[in-house]
C-alpha atoms as a PDB file:
ATOM      1  CA  UNK A   1     -13.245 132.410 105.495  1.00  0.00           C
ATOM      2  CA  UNK A   2     -16.977 132.920 104.957  1.00  0.00           C
ATOM      3  CA  UNK A   3     -19.058 129.899 104.057  1.00  0.00           C
ATOM      4  CA  UNK A   4     -22.644 129.907 102.847  1.00  0.00           C
ATOM      5  CA  UNK A   5     -24.552 126.737 103.587  1.00  0.00           C
ATOM      6  CA  UNK A   6     -27.640 125.936 101.499  1.00  0.00           C
ATOM      7  CA  UNK A   7     -30.595 128.093 102.469  1.00  0.00           C
ATOM      8  CA  UNK A   8     -33.867 126.590 103.545  1.00  0.00           C
ATOM      9  CA  UNK A   9     -35.607 127.517 100.289  1.00  0.00           C
ATOM     10  CA  UNK A  10     -37.937 129.808 102.163  1.00  0.00           C
ATOM     11  CA  UNK A  11     -38.811 132.363  99.484  1.00  0.00           C
ATOM     12  CA  UNK A  12     -41.981 134.204 100.433  1.00  0.00           C
ATOM     13  CA  UNK A  13     -41.741 133.234 104.105  1.00  0.00           C
ATOM     14  CA  UNK A  14     -40.838 135.297 107.154  1.00  0.00           C
ATOM     15  CA  UNK A  15     -37.186 134.589 107.650  1.00  0.00           C
ATOM     16  CA  UNK A  16     -34.027 136.131 109.063  1.00  0.00           C
ATOM     17  CA  UNK A  17     -30.317 135.461 108.715  1.00  0.00           C
ATOM     18  CA  UNK A  18     -27.923 134.551 111.502  1.00  0.00           C
ATOM     19  CA  UNK A  19     -24.140 134.383 111.288  1.00  0.00           C
ATOM     20  CA  UNK A  20     -21.916 132.230 113.464  1.00  0.00           C
ATOM     21  CA  UNK A  21     -18.491 130.588 113.475  1.00  0.00           C
ATOM     22  CA  UNK A  22     -17.836 126.879 113.103  1.00  0.00           C
ATOM     23  CA  UNK A  23     -15.033 124.527 112.159  1.00  0.00           C
ATOM     24  CA  UNK A  24     -15.270 122.619 108.896  1.00  0.00           C
ATOM     25  CA  UNK A  25     -13.711 119.157 109.293  1.00  0.00           C
ATOM     26  CA  UNK A  26     -10.806 118.099 107.096  1.00  0.00           C
ATOM     27  CA  UNK A  27     -11.898 116.489 103.829  1.00  0.00           C
ATOM     28  CA  UNK A  28      -8.815 114.250 103.606  1.00  0.00           C
ATOM     29  CA  UNK A  29      -8.091 112.400 106.850  1.00  0.00           C
ATOM     30  CA  UNK A  30      -4.942 110.301 107.303  1.00  0.00           C
ATOM     31  CA  UNK A  31      -4.021 108.148 110.329  1.00  0.00           C
ATOM     32  CA  UNK A  32      -2.786 109.926 113.447  1.00  0.00           C
ATOM     33  CA  UNK A  33       0.914 110.528 113.861  1.00  0.00           C
ATOM     34  CA  UNK A  34       3.498 111.945 111.507  1.00  0.00           C
ATOM     35  CA  UNK A  35       2.852 110.849 107.930  1.00  0.00           C
ATOM     36  CA  UNK A  36       5.351 110.913 105.080  1.00  0.00           C
ATOM     37  CA  UNK A  37       4.137 111.928 101.634  1.00  0.00           C
ATOM     38  CA  UNK A  38       6.003 111.790  98.341  1.00  0.00           C
ATOM     39  CA  UNK A  39       4.768 114.433  95.909  1.00  0.00           C
ATOM     40  CA  UNK A  40       5.269 113.278  92.324  1.00  0.00           C
ATOM     41  CA  UNK A  41       4.454 115.504  89.363  1.00  0.00           C
ATOM     42  CA  UNK A  42       3.164 113.479  86.444  1.00  0.00           C
ATOM     43  CA  UNK A  43       2.846 116.683  84.466  1.00  0.00           C
ATOM     44  CA  UNK A  44       5.464 117.018  81.735  1.00  0.00           C
ATOM     45  CA  UNK A  45       5.783 120.706  80.894  1.00  0.00           C
ATOM     46  CA  UNK A  46       7.781 119.897  77.750  1.00  0.00           C
ATOM     47  CA  UNK A  47       4.461 118.871  76.197  1.00  0.00           C
ATOM     48  CA  UNK A  48       3.182 122.465  76.000  1.00  0.00           C
ATOM     49  CA  UNK A  49       2.011 123.083  72.448  1.00  0.00           C
ATOM     50  CA  UNK A  50       3.381 126.628  72.184  1.00  0.00           C
ATOM     51  CA  UNK A  51       7.123 126.145  71.630  1.00  0.00           C
ATOM     52  CA  UNK A  52       8.822 128.976  73.554  1.00  0.00           C
ATOM     53  CA  UNK A  53       5.974 131.464  73.282  1.00  0.00           C
ATOM     54  CA  UNK A  54       5.130 133.940  76.005  1.00  0.00           C
ATOM     55  CA  UNK A  55       1.979 131.985  76.902  1.00  0.00           C
ATOM     56  CA  UNK A  56       3.986 128.773  77.276  1.00  0.00           C
ATOM     57  CA  UNK A  57       6.348 130.482  79.695  1.00  0.00           C
ATOM     58  CA  UNK A  58       3.387 131.783  81.715  1.00  0.00           C
ATOM     59  CA  UNK A  59       1.927 128.270  81.937  1.00  0.00           C
ATOM     60  CA  UNK A  60       5.235 126.720  82.973  1.00  0.00           C
ATOM     61  CA  UNK A  61       5.905 129.438  85.548  1.00  0.00           C
ATOM     62  CA  UNK A  62       2.347 129.072  86.907  1.00  0.00           C
ATOM     63  CA  UNK A  63       2.863 125.320  87.148  1.00  0.00           C
ATOM     64  CA  UNK A  64       5.933 125.870  89.314  1.00  0.00           C
ATOM     65  CA  UNK A  65       3.941 128.294  91.467  1.00  0.00           C
ATOM     66  CA  UNK A  66       1.357 125.563  92.075  1.00  0.00           C
ATOM     67  CA  UNK A  67       4.067 123.109  93.162  1.00  0.00           C
ATOM     68  CA  UNK A  68       5.523 125.754  95.452  1.00  0.00           C
ATOM     69  CA  UNK A  69       2.091 126.486  96.945  1.00  0.00           C
ATOM     70  CA  UNK A  70       1.663 122.791  97.808  1.00  0.00           C
ATOM     71  CA  UNK A  71       5.145 122.543  99.346  1.00  0.00           C
ATOM     72  CA  UNK A  72       4.890 125.747 101.390  1.00  0.00           C
ATOM     73  CA  UNK A  73       1.459 124.874 102.779  1.00  0.00           C
ATOM     74  CA  UNK A  74       2.502 121.343 103.766  1.00  0.00           C
ATOM     75  CA  UNK A  75       5.493 122.856 105.593  1.00  0.00           C
ATOM     76  CA  UNK A  76       3.020 124.565 107.927  1.00  0.00           C
ATOM     77  CA  UNK A  77       1.525 121.225 109.003  1.00  0.00           C
ATOM     78  CA  UNK A  78       3.725 119.498 111.576  1.00  0.00           C
ATOM     79  CA  UNK A  79       2.027 116.108 111.116  1.00  0.00           C
ATOM     80  CA  UNK A  80       3.244 115.763 107.528  1.00  0.00           C
ATOM     81  CA  UNK A  81       6.674 115.360 105.961  1.00  0.00           C
ATOM     82  CA  UNK A  82       6.652 116.119 102.229  1.00  0.00           C
ATOM     83  CA  UNK A  83       9.255 114.833  99.804  1.00  0.00           C
ATOM     84  CA  UNK A  84       9.085 116.279  96.287  1.00  0.00           C
ATOM     85  CA  UNK A  85      10.303 113.856  93.635  1.00  0.00           C
ATOM     86  CA  UNK A  86      11.924 115.168  90.451  1.00  0.00           C
ATOM     87  CA  UNK A  87      10.723 112.114  88.531  1.00  0.00           C
ATOM     88  CA  UNK A  88       8.380 113.003  85.687  1.00  0.00           C
ATOM     89  CA  UNK A  89       5.972 110.266  84.649  1.00  0.00           C
ATOM     90  CA  UNK A  90       4.222 111.694  81.569  1.00  0.00           C
ATOM     91  CA  UNK A  91       1.167 113.703  82.498  1.00  0.00           C
ATOM     92  CA  UNK A  92      -1.931 114.902  80.696  1.00  0.00           C
ATOM     93  CA  UNK A  93      -2.623 118.279  79.094  1.00  0.00           C
ATOM     94  CA  UNK A  94      -5.851 120.225  78.756  1.00  0.00           C
ATOM     95  CA  UNK A  95      -8.168 117.368  79.672  1.00  0.00           C
ATOM     96  CA  UNK A  96     -10.713 117.003  82.438  1.00  0.00           C
ATOM     97  CA  UNK A  97     -10.439 114.437  85.181  1.00  0.00           C
ATOM     98  CA  UNK A  98     -13.202 112.224  83.856  1.00  0.00           C
ATOM     99  CA  UNK A  99     -11.144 111.747  80.668  1.00  0.00           C
ATOM    100  CA  UNK A 100      -7.963 110.712  82.464  1.00  0.00           C
ATOM    101  CA  UNK A 101      -7.038 107.111  83.118  1.00  0.00           C
ATOM    102  CA  UNK A 102      -5.354 107.205  86.541  1.00  0.00           C
ATOM    103  CA  UNK A 103      -3.063 104.269  85.847  1.00  0.00           C
ATOM    104  CA  UNK A 104       0.143 103.545  87.710  1.00  0.00           C
ATOM    105  CA  UNK A 105       3.243 104.281  85.654  1.00  0.00           C
ATOM    106  CA  UNK A 106       6.581 102.531  86.079  1.00  0.00           C
ATOM    107  CA  UNK A 107       7.883 105.604  87.917  1.00  0.00           C
ATOM    108  CA  UNK A 108       5.029 105.482  90.428  1.00  0.00           C
ATOM    109  CA  UNK A 109       5.500 101.774  91.049  1.00  0.00           C
ATOM    110  CA  UNK A 110       9.241 102.214  91.525  1.00  0.00           C
ATOM    111  CA  UNK A 111       8.753 105.055  93.992  1.00  0.00           C
ATOM    112  CA  UNK A 112       6.314 103.037  96.054  1.00  0.00           C
ATOM    113  CA  UNK A 113       8.708 100.105  96.196  1.00  0.00           C
ATOM    114  CA  UNK A 114      11.535 102.331  97.443  1.00  0.00           C
ATOM    115  CA  UNK A 115       9.315 104.212  99.911  1.00  0.00           C
ATOM    116  CA  UNK A 116       6.845 101.585 101.052  1.00  0.00           C
ATOM    117  CA  UNK A 117       5.922 103.512 104.213  1.00  0.00           C
ATOM    118  CA  UNK A 118       5.037 106.729 102.331  1.00  0.00           C
ATOM    119  CA  UNK A 119       1.769 108.013 100.959  1.00  0.00           C
ATOM    120  CA  UNK A 120       2.057 109.075  97.319  1.00  0.00           C
ATOM    121  CA  UNK A 121       0.552 112.326  96.036  1.00  0.00           C
ATOM    122  CA  UNK A 122       0.560 112.869  92.267  1.00  0.00           C
ATOM    123  CA  UNK A 123      -0.234 115.950  90.238  1.00  0.00           C
ATOM    124  CA  UNK A 124      -1.988 114.474  87.197  1.00  0.00           C
ATOM    125  CA  UNK A 125      -3.305 117.565  85.451  1.00  0.00           C
ATOM    126  CA  UNK A 126      -2.579 121.261  85.393  1.00  0.00           C
ATOM    127  CA  UNK A 127      -4.032 123.936  83.139  1.00  0.00           C
ATOM    128  CA  UNK A 128      -4.441 127.695  83.148  1.00  0.00           C
ATOM    129  CA  UNK A 129      -6.492 129.481  80.548  1.00  0.00           C
ATOM    130  CA  UNK A 130      -7.898 132.898  79.653  1.00  0.00           C
ATOM    131  CA  UNK A 131     -11.540 132.882  78.562  1.00  0.00           C
ATOM    132  CA  UNK A 132     -13.411 135.945  77.198  1.00  0.00           C
ATOM    133  CA  UNK A 133     -16.523 136.508  79.263  1.00  0.00           C
ATOM    134  CA  UNK A 134     -18.315 139.627  78.028  1.00  0.00           C
ATOM    135  CA  UNK A 135     -17.867 143.109  76.641  1.00  0.00           C
ATOM    136  CA  UNK A 136     -18.613 145.749  79.238  1.00  0.00           C
ATOM    137  CA  UNK A 137     -19.073 148.397  76.520  1.00  0.00           C
ATOM    138  CA  UNK A 138     -17.202 151.019  78.505  1.00  0.00           C
ATOM    139  CA  UNK A 139     -14.760 153.653  77.289  1.00  0.00           C
ATOM    140  CA  UNK A 140     -16.748 155.597  74.714  1.00  0.00           C
ATOM    141  CA  UNK A 141     -16.012 155.401  71.004  1.00  0.00           C
ATOM    142  CA  UNK A 142     -12.244 154.957  71.260  1.00  0.00           C
ATOM    143  CA  UNK A 143     -11.970 152.018  73.679  1.00  0.00           C
ATOM    144  CA  UNK A 144     -13.974 149.001  74.756  1.00  0.00           C
ATOM    145  CA  UNK A 145     -13.430 147.101  78.017  1.00  0.00           C
ATOM    146  CA  UNK A 146     -13.817 143.325  78.094  1.00  0.00           C
ATOM    147  CA  UNK A 147     -14.189 141.006  81.058  1.00  0.00           C
ATOM    148  CA  UNK A 148     -12.204 137.741  81.063  1.00  0.00           C
ATOM    149  CA  UNK A 149     -12.002 134.733  83.346  1.00  0.00           C
ATOM    150  CA  UNK A 150      -8.572 133.352  84.189  1.00  0.00           C
ATOM    151  CA  UNK A 151      -9.169 129.730  85.156  1.00  0.00           C
ATOM    152  CA  UNK A 152      -6.532 127.659  86.930  1.00  0.00           C
ATOM    153  CA  UNK A 153      -7.269 123.947  87.349  1.00  0.00           C
ATOM    154  CA  UNK A 154      -5.492 120.863  88.620  1.00  0.00           C
ATOM    155  CA  UNK A 155      -6.164 117.198  89.346  1.00  0.00           C
ATOM    156  CA  UNK A 156      -4.380 115.378  92.170  1.00  0.00           C
ATOM    157  CA  UNK A 157      -4.453 111.783  93.376  1.00  0.00           C
ATOM    158  CA  UNK A 158      -3.447 110.456  96.814  1.00  0.00           C
ATOM    159  CA  UNK A 159      -2.440 106.804  97.255  1.00  0.00           C
ATOM    160  CA  UNK A 160      -1.822 104.958 100.491  1.00  0.00           C
ATOM    161  CA  UNK A 161       1.500 103.124 101.129  1.00  0.00           C
ATOM    162  CA  UNK A 162       0.008 100.014  99.543  1.00  0.00           C
ATOM    163  CA  UNK A 163      -0.696 101.839  96.298  1.00  0.00           C
ATOM    164  CA  UNK A 164      -4.475 102.073  96.692  1.00  0.00           C
ATOM    165  CA  UNK A 165      -6.128 105.321  95.597  1.00  0.00           C
ATOM    166  CA  UNK A 166      -7.730 106.943  98.645  1.00  0.00           C
ATOM    167  CA  UNK A 167      -8.581 110.351  97.202  1.00  0.00           C
ATOM    168  CA  UNK A 168      -8.882 112.009  93.803  1.00  0.00           C
ATOM    169  CA  UNK A 169      -9.775 115.652  93.444  1.00  0.00           C
ATOM    170  CA  UNK A 170     -10.239 118.165  90.666  1.00  0.00           C
ATOM    171  CA  UNK A 171      -9.831 121.786  91.755  1.00  0.00           C
ATOM    172  CA  UNK A 172     -10.292 125.023  89.879  1.00  0.00           C
ATOM    173  CA  UNK A 173     -10.074 128.695  90.758  1.00  0.00           C
ATOM    174  CA  UNK A 174     -11.558 131.287  88.386  1.00  0.00           C
ATOM    175  CA  UNK A 175     -10.915 135.011  88.674  1.00  0.00           C
ATOM    176  CA  UNK A 176     -12.281 137.907  86.664  1.00  0.00           C
ATOM    177  CA  UNK A 177      -9.908 140.346  84.977  1.00  0.00           C
ATOM    178  CA  UNK A 178     -10.565 143.258  82.643  1.00  0.00           C
ATOM    179  CA  UNK A 179      -8.743 144.429  79.571  1.00  0.00           C
ATOM    180  CA  UNK A 180      -9.194 147.670  77.637  1.00  0.00           C
ATOM    181  CA  UNK A 181      -9.193 147.298  73.863  1.00  0.00           C
ATOM    182  CA  UNK A 182      -8.831 149.979  71.271  1.00  0.00           C
ATOM    183  CA  UNK A 183     -12.122 150.211  69.361  1.00  0.00           C
ATOM    184  CA  UNK A 184     -12.038 148.109  66.207  1.00  0.00           C
ATOM    185  CA  UNK A 185     -14.281 145.954  64.058  1.00  0.00           C
ATOM    186  CA  UNK A 186     -12.055 143.007  64.936  1.00  0.00           C
ATOM    187  CA  UNK A 187     -11.266 142.436  68.619  1.00  0.00           C
ATOM    188  CA  UNK A 188      -7.778 141.089  69.278  1.00  0.00           C
ATOM    189  CA  UNK A 189      -7.999 139.405  72.662  1.00  0.00           C
ATOM    190  CA  UNK A 190      -5.045 139.559  75.062  1.00  0.00           C
ATOM    191  CA  UNK A 191      -2.871 136.576  75.889  1.00  0.00           C
ATOM    192  CA  UNK A 192      -1.981 135.097  79.264  1.00  0.00           C
ATOM    193  CA  UNK A 193       1.226 137.135  79.168  1.00  0.00           C
ATOM    194  CA  UNK A 194      -0.824 140.258  79.924  1.00  0.00           C
ATOM    195  CA  UNK A 195      -1.901 138.727  83.243  1.00  0.00           C
ATOM    196  CA  UNK A 196       1.280 136.959  84.354  1.00  0.00           C
ATOM    197  CA  UNK A 197       1.151 138.080  88.035  1.00  0.00           C
ATOM    198  CA  UNK A 198      -2.524 137.085  88.347  1.00  0.00           C
ATOM    199  CA  UNK A 199      -1.851 133.665  86.802  1.00  0.00           C
ATOM    200  CA  UNK A 200       1.011 133.061  89.231  1.00  0.00           C
ATOM    201  CA  UNK A 201      -1.095 134.074  92.244  1.00  0.00           C
ATOM    202  CA  UNK A 202      -4.025 131.879  91.211  1.00  0.00           C
ATOM    203  CA  UNK A 203      -1.749 128.875  90.695  1.00  0.00           C
ATOM    204  CA  UNK A 204      -0.089 129.256  94.082  1.00  0.00           C
ATOM    205  CA  UNK A 205      -3.482 129.704  95.744  1.00  0.00           C
ATOM    206  CA  UNK A 206      -4.747 126.549  94.046  1.00  0.00           C
ATOM    207  CA  UNK A 207      -1.815 124.577  95.454  1.00  0.00           C
ATOM    208  CA  UNK A 208      -2.435 126.004  98.910  1.00  0.00           C
ATOM    209  CA  UNK A 209      -6.168 125.271  98.715  1.00  0.00           C
ATOM    210  CA  UNK A 210      -5.457 121.606  98.031  1.00  0.00           C
ATOM    211  CA  UNK A 211      -3.329 121.197 101.159  1.00  0.00           C
ATOM    212  CA  UNK A 212      -6.021 122.920 103.218  1.00  0.00           C
ATOM    213  CA  UNK A 213      -8.226 119.877 102.549  1.00  0.00           C
ATOM    214  CA  UNK A 214      -6.049 118.036 105.090  1.00  0.00           C
ATOM    215  CA  UNK A 215      -6.904 120.392 107.969  1.00  0.00           C
ATOM    216  CA  UNK A 216      -9.930 121.561 109.878  1.00  0.00           C
ATOM    217  CA  UNK A 217     -10.862 125.029 108.647  1.00  0.00           C
ATOM    218  CA  UNK A 218     -12.525 127.875 110.568  1.00  0.00           C
ATOM    219  CA  UNK A 219     -15.496 129.321 108.737  1.00  0.00           C
ATOM    220  CA  UNK A 220     -18.220 131.906 109.187  1.00  0.00           C
ATOM    221  CA  UNK A 221     -21.589 130.360 108.388  1.00  0.00           C
ATOM    222  CA  UNK A 222     -24.677 132.328 107.382  1.00  0.00           C
ATOM    223  CA  UNK A 223     -27.947 130.482 107.858  1.00  0.00           C
ATOM    224  CA  UNK A 224     -31.587 131.365 107.290  1.00  0.00           C
ATOM    225  CA  UNK A 225     -34.274 130.672 109.895  1.00  0.00           C
ATOM    226  CA  UNK A 226     -38.007 131.166 110.349  1.00  0.00           C
ATOM    227  CA  UNK A 227     -39.800 133.647 112.575  1.00  0.00           C
ATOM    228  CA  UNK A 228     -43.474 134.553 113.017  1.00  0.00           C
ATOM    229  CA  UNK A 229     -46.237 133.721 115.513  1.00  0.00           C
ATOM    230  CA  UNK A 230     -45.368 130.642 117.542  1.00  0.00           C
ATOM    231  CA  UNK A 231     -41.735 130.862 116.461  1.00  0.00           C
ATOM    232  CA  UNK A 232     -41.093 134.486 117.428  1.00  0.00           C
ATOM    233  CA  UNK A 233     -39.702 133.870 120.915  1.00  0.00           C
ATOM    234  CA  UNK A 234     -37.284 131.162 119.799  1.00  0.00           C
ATOM    235  CA  UNK A 235     -36.375 133.203 116.712  1.00  0.00           C
ATOM    236  CA  UNK A 236     -35.385 136.113 118.955  1.00  0.00           C
ATOM    237  CA  UNK A 237     -33.086 133.780 120.879  1.00  0.00           C
ATOM    238  CA  UNK A 238     -31.521 132.523 117.635  1.00  0.00           C
ATOM    239  CA  UNK A 239     -30.917 136.097 116.505  1.00  0.00           C
ATOM    240  CA  UNK A 240     -29.207 136.761 119.860  1.00  0.00           C
ATOM    241  CA  UNK A 241     -27.221 133.489 119.485  1.00  0.00           C
ATOM    242  CA  UNK A 242     -28.592 132.125 122.741  1.00  0.00           C
ATOM    243  CA  UNK A 243     -28.476 128.597 121.414  1.00  0.00           C
ATOM    244  CA  UNK A 244     -29.319 126.412 124.472  1.00  0.00           C
ATOM    245  CA  UNK A 245     -32.338 128.573 125.330  1.00  0.00           C
ATOM    246  CA  UNK A 246     -33.544 128.483 121.713  1.00  0.00           C
ATOM    247  CA  UNK A 247     -33.195 124.708 121.690  1.00  0.00           C
ATOM    248  CA  UNK A 248     -35.383 124.349 124.788  1.00  0.00           C
ATOM    249  CA  UNK A 249     -38.206 126.321 123.154  1.00  0.00           C
ATOM    250  CA  UNK A 250     -37.922 124.650 119.755  1.00  0.00           C
ATOM    251  CA  UNK A 251     -37.977 120.978 120.768  1.00  0.00           C
ATOM    252  CA  UNK A 252     -41.652 121.075 121.932  1.00  0.00           C
ATOM    253  CA  UNK A 253     -42.590 123.052 118.798  1.00  0.00           C
ATOM    254  CA  UNK A 254     -41.334 120.234 116.570  1.00  0.00           C
ATOM    255  CA  UNK A 255     -44.387 118.282 117.841  1.00  0.00           C
ATOM    256  CA  UNK A 256     -46.862 121.082 117.097  1.00  0.00           C
ATOM    257  CA  UNK A 257     -50.212 119.897 115.721  1.00  0.00           C
ATOM    258  CA  UNK A 258     -49.770 122.268 112.768  1.00  0.00           C
ATOM    259  CA  UNK A 259     -47.315 120.275 110.639  1.00  0.00           C
ATOM    260  CA  UNK A 260     -45.902 123.353 108.884  1.00  0.00           C
ATOM    261  CA  UNK A 261     -45.089 125.020 112.193  1.00  0.00           C
ATOM    262  CA  UNK A 262     -43.510 121.766 113.373  1.00  0.00           C
ATOM    263  CA  UNK A 263     -41.444 121.597 110.172  1.00  0.00           C
ATOM    264  CA  UNK A 264     -40.269 125.197 110.532  1.00  0.00           C
ATOM    265  CA  UNK A 265     -39.327 124.554 114.166  1.00  0.00           C
ATOM    266  CA  UNK A 266     -37.327 121.514 113.043  1.00  0.00           C
ATOM    267  CA  UNK A 267     -35.440 123.591 110.459  1.00  0.00           C
ATOM    268  CA  UNK A 268     -34.699 126.251 113.050  1.00  0.00           C
ATOM    269  CA  UNK A 269     -33.532 123.524 115.406  1.00  0.00           C
ATOM    270  CA  UNK A 270     -31.168 122.339 112.674  1.00  0.00           C
ATOM    271  CA  UNK A 271     -29.548 125.777 112.679  1.00  0.00           C
ATOM    272  CA  UNK A 272     -29.267 125.730 116.470  1.00  0.00           C
ATOM    273  CA  UNK A 273     -27.598 122.318 116.573  1.00  0.00           C
ATOM    274  CA  UNK A 274     -25.165 123.335 113.865  1.00  0.00           C
ATOM    275  CA  UNK A 275     -24.196 126.412 115.887  1.00  0.00           C
ATOM    276  CA  UNK A 276     -23.732 124.147 118.923  1.00  0.00           C
ATOM    277  CA  UNK A 277     -21.363 121.943 116.927  1.00  0.00           C
ATOM    278  CA  UNK A 278     -23.593 118.869 116.639  1.00  0.00           C
ATOM    279  CA  UNK A 279     -23.685 118.307 112.871  1.00  0.00           C
ATOM    280  CA  UNK A 280     -25.358 114.909 113.123  1.00  0.00           C
ATOM    281  CA  UNK A 281     -28.320 116.361 115.031  1.00  0.00           C
ATOM    282  CA  UNK A 282     -28.388 119.322 112.656  1.00  0.00           C
ATOM    283  CA  UNK A 283     -28.647 117.020 109.633  1.00  0.00           C
ATOM    284  CA  UNK A 284     -31.385 114.984 111.318  1.00  0.00           C
ATOM    285  CA  UNK A 285     -33.578 118.001 112.043  1.00  0.00           C
ATOM    286  CA  UNK A 286     -32.939 119.485 108.613  1.00  0.00           C
ATOM    287  CA  UNK A 287     -34.191 116.330 106.880  1.00  0.00           C
ATOM    288  CA  UNK A 288     -37.163 116.104 109.259  1.00  0.00           C
ATOM    289  CA  UNK A 289     -38.066 119.726 108.644  1.00  0.00           C
ATOM    290  CA  UNK A 290     -37.769 119.551 104.860  1.00  0.00           C
ATOM    291  CA  UNK A 291     -39.950 116.458 104.712  1.00  0.00           C
ATOM    292  CA  UNK A 292     -42.694 118.314 106.571  1.00  0.00           C
ATOM    293  CA  UNK A 293     -42.863 121.467 104.470  1.00  0.00           C
END
């Protein structure tokens, strides 16, 4: 994956870009050793407000794709054993996480009593929607093409074996789709049914993306750095990814009598340390550099 870190806000300055690989640490860290997780869906699909409409079927099918994405991705991780419970403990529909009261239901409490050595993962919210974005005004007089966003979103909560919440996350994945309308004074927008395969793919990907929070992830980072005058030699080394040599030249420059040059050297040193895998040093020099600009 490619990952853009915040730039150095260097508009108008002499800068270059450098690209390098790094590993992003897991966002959810559990104790070492094999961990057992019960996955409980609190989302009751019978609450869909569309009866047996085509859109309702798309939502329910997409919901199952999300569950499958979670299960399949956990299967790839040898340190976890996932048990999917078929117990439904009434969920929430079409609401954002800040509106949800994450209270323990009787079903959750019962599960934790029966499986006291398991972590408990609950799916608390799932939604998929089609939102008109803009008319692209393409197709001449007979047709008009519109751009839409399909948005898939979910909220999940992880509890430790004692029942304490250790992580809550709201995830969403938007994707642009286009639909060609016949020209008319009144636009009849398409329904989710028109994009069933895309909805299914987004939902599965959302489930997979959640499980990826439990693992270190390789990433390609693109960072901006200064060049010019006193910084040129070290900047050339950064461009060539000769990190130790660049570090040796930059450390003395962070004490330069010109405070702006010292600040720029510190920001460049932040990039170097990040490429070397020392995030703590990178953060230190970034803060030092930004305070001096």
